[in-house]
Amino acid sequence: MTETVTCRDGVRVLMDYTEGVLPVTVRHAVEAHVRRCGRCLGFVRSYSETPRIMRRATVTRMPVGLGRRLRRMVAALPGARGGRRSRS
């Protein structure tokens, strides 16, 4: 990757960037791009927030009845193992 990062370059290294494992020169180039690009800044922020959102969403237990209904709905989807098959 060159010292100038494009949006496409940034997407390719986004996981490594948010995990802090990029080489320092690449990290600086990504940070310089993100400072100038509002779209990429929003993308990096949302990508960084995903683990926190997922942890928070899984703290609350799903009501038992809702879980059963969801499993039945998923099992009934076409192509689901043991689900209904479409009749063409």
C-alpha atoms as a PDB file:
ATOM      1  CA  MET A   1       0.000   0.000   0.000  1.00  0.00           C
ATOM      2  CA  THR A   2       1.305   3.449  -0.827  1.00  0.00           C
ATOM      3  CA  GLU A   3       1.508   6.362   1.581  1.00  0.00           C
ATOM      4  CA  THR A   4      -1.707   7.731   0.056  1.00  0.00           C
ATOM      5  CA  VAL A   5      -4.741   5.677   1.000  1.00  0.00           C
ATOM      6  CA  THR A   6      -7.975   5.579  -0.956  1.00  0.00           C
ATOM      7  CA  CYS A   7     -11.365   4.483   0.371  1.00  0.00           C
ATOM      8  CA  ARG A   8     -10.857   1.125  -1.341  1.00  0.00           C
ATOM      9  CA  ASP A   9      -7.433   0.670   0.284  1.00  0.00           C
ATOM     10  CA  GLY A  10      -8.904   1.485   3.670  1.00  0.00           C
ATOM     11  CA  VAL A  11     -11.685  -1.068   3.370  1.00  0.00           C
ATOM     12  CA  ARG A  12      -9.130  -3.784   2.676  1.00  0.00           C
ATOM     13  CA  VAL A  13      -7.280  -3.080   5.927  1.00  0.00           C
ATOM     14  CA  LEU A  14     -10.189  -1.944   8.101  1.00  0.00           C
ATOM     15  CA  MET A  15     -10.205  -4.951  10.437  1.00  0.00           C
ATOM     16  CA  ASP A  16      -6.456  -4.729  11.002  1.00  0.00           C
ATOM     17  CA  TYR A  17      -6.775  -0.966  11.511  1.00  0.00           C
ATOM     18  CA  THR A  18      -9.532  -1.225  14.124  1.00  0.00           C
ATOM     19  CA  GLU A  19      -7.650  -4.033  15.898  1.00  0.00           C
ATOM     20  CA  GLY A  20      -4.483  -1.919  15.973  1.00  0.00           C
ATOM     21  CA  VAL A  21      -2.258  -4.406  14.158  1.00  0.00           C
ATOM     22  CA  LEU A  22      -1.280  -2.409  11.071  1.00  0.00           C
ATOM     23  CA  PRO A  23       2.331  -1.377  10.574  1.00  0.00           C
ATOM     24  CA  VAL A  24       2.761   2.174  11.830  1.00  0.00           C
ATOM     25  CA  THR A  25       3.290   3.703   8.360  1.00  0.00           C
ATOM     26  CA  VAL A  26       0.111   2.117   6.999  1.00  0.00           C
ATOM     27  CA  ARG A  27      -1.850   3.083  10.126  1.00  0.00           C
ATOM     28  CA  HIS A  28      -0.748   6.713   9.735  1.00  0.00           C
ATOM     29  CA  ALA A  29      -1.753   6.704   6.069  1.00  0.00           C
ATOM     30  CA  VAL A  30      -5.202   5.291   6.942  1.00  0.00           C
ATOM     31  CA  GLU A  31      -5.646   7.856   9.728  1.00  0.00           C
ATOM     32  CA  ALA A  32      -4.680  10.693   7.368  1.00  0.00           C
ATOM     33  CA  HIS A  33      -7.291   9.508   4.871  1.00  0.00           C
ATOM     34  CA  VAL A  34      -9.999   9.084   7.511  1.00  0.00           C
ATOM     35  CA  ARG A  35      -9.394  12.645   8.776  1.00  0.00           C
ATOM     36  CA  ARG A  36     -10.216  13.943   5.276  1.00  0.00           C
ATOM     37  CA  CYS A  37     -13.036  11.542   4.385  1.00  0.00           C
ATOM     38  CA  GLY A  38     -16.287  11.825   6.330  1.00  0.00           C
ATOM     39  CA  ARG A  39     -17.689   8.701   4.730  1.00  0.00           C
ATOM     40  CA  CYS A  40     -14.718   6.604   5.835  1.00  0.00           C
ATOM     41  CA  LEU A  41     -14.760   8.197   9.291  1.00  0.00           C
ATOM     42  CA  GLY A  42     -18.384   7.118   9.703  1.00  0.00           C
ATOM     43  CA  PHE A  43     -17.546   3.662   8.444  1.00  0.00           C
ATOM     44  CA  VAL A  44     -14.614   3.275  10.873  1.00  0.00           C
ATOM     45  CA  ARG A  45     -16.751   4.484  13.780  1.00  0.00           C
ATOM     46  CA  SER A  46     -19.592   2.097  12.999  1.00  0.00           C
ATOM     47  CA  TYR A  47     -17.180  -0.793  12.441  1.00  0.00           C
ATOM     48  CA  SER A  48     -15.468  -0.055  15.759  1.00  0.00           C
ATOM     49  CA  GLU A  49     -18.805   0.075  17.595  1.00  0.00           C
ATOM     50  CA  THR A  50     -20.096  -3.265  16.275  1.00  0.00           C
ATOM     51  CA  PRO A  51     -18.508  -5.476  18.971  1.00  0.00           C
ATOM     52  CA  ARG A  52     -19.912  -3.253  21.753  1.00  0.00           C
ATOM     53  CA  ILE A  53     -23.368  -3.264  20.185  1.00  0.00           C
ATOM     54  CA  MET A  54     -23.311  -7.044  19.821  1.00  0.00           C
ATOM     55  CA  ARG A  55     -22.193  -7.570  23.422  1.00  0.00           C
ATOM     56  CA  ARG A  56     -24.945  -5.270  24.662  1.00  0.00           C
ATOM     57  CA  ALA A  57     -27.575  -6.954  22.491  1.00  0.00           C
ATOM     58  CA  THR A  58     -26.719 -10.385  23.832  1.00  0.00           C
ATOM     59  CA  VAL A  59     -26.804  -9.414  27.518  1.00  0.00           C
ATOM     60  CA  THR A  60     -30.587  -9.558  27.622  1.00  0.00           C
ATOM     61  CA  ARG A  61     -32.132 -12.999  27.426  1.00  0.00           C
ATOM     62  CA  MET A  62     -34.685 -13.569  24.734  1.00  0.00           C
ATOM     63  CA  PRO A  63     -38.110 -14.629  26.046  1.00  0.00           C
ATOM     64  CA  VAL A  64     -38.462 -18.424  25.749  1.00  0.00           C
ATOM     65  CA  GLY A  65     -41.596 -18.251  23.605  1.00  0.00           C
ATOM     66  CA  LEU A  66     -39.990 -15.830  21.171  1.00  0.00           C
ATOM     67  CA  GLY A  67     -36.973 -18.099  20.757  1.00  0.00           C
ATOM     68  CA  ARG A  68     -39.202 -21.071  19.948  1.00  0.00           C
ATOM     69  CA  ARG A  69     -41.208 -19.065  17.400  1.00  0.00           C
ATOM     70  CA  LEU A  70     -38.034 -17.815  15.709  1.00  0.00           C
ATOM     71  CA  ARG A  71     -36.593 -21.341  15.486  1.00  0.00           C
ATOM     72  CA  ARG A  72     -39.840 -22.602  13.896  1.00  0.00           C
ATOM     73  CA  MET A  73     -39.847 -19.710  11.409  1.00  0.00           C
ATOM     74  CA  VAL A  74     -36.232 -20.332  10.428  1.00  0.00           C
ATOM     75  CA  ALA A  75     -36.785 -24.077  10.119  1.00  0.00           C
ATOM     76  CA  ALA A  76     -39.727 -23.397   7.799  1.00  0.00           C
ATOM     77  CA  LEU A  77     -37.688 -21.251   5.405  1.00  0.00           C
ATOM     78  CA  PRO A  78     -37.084 -22.769   1.965  1.00  0.00           C
ATOM     79  CA  GLY A  79     -33.753 -24.546   1.934  1.00  0.00           C
ATOM     80  CA  ALA A  80     -33.562 -24.875   5.715  1.00  0.00           C
ATOM     81  CA  ARG A  81     -32.607 -28.330   6.881  1.00  0.00           C
ATOM     82  CA  GLY A  82     -35.856 -30.052   7.799  1.00  0.00           C
ATOM     83  CA  GLY A  83     -37.838 -27.063   6.513  1.00  0.00           C
ATOM     84  CA  ARG A  84     -40.531 -26.866   3.899  1.00  0.00           C
ATOM     85  CA  ARG A  85     -39.520 -27.226   0.304  1.00  0.00           C
ATOM     86  CA  SER A  86     -41.028 -24.965  -2.287  1.00  0.00           C
ATOM     87  CA  ARG A  87     -43.263 -26.736  -4.777  1.00  0.00           C
ATOM     88  CA  SER A  88     -42.344 -25.511  -8.225  1.00  0.00           C
END
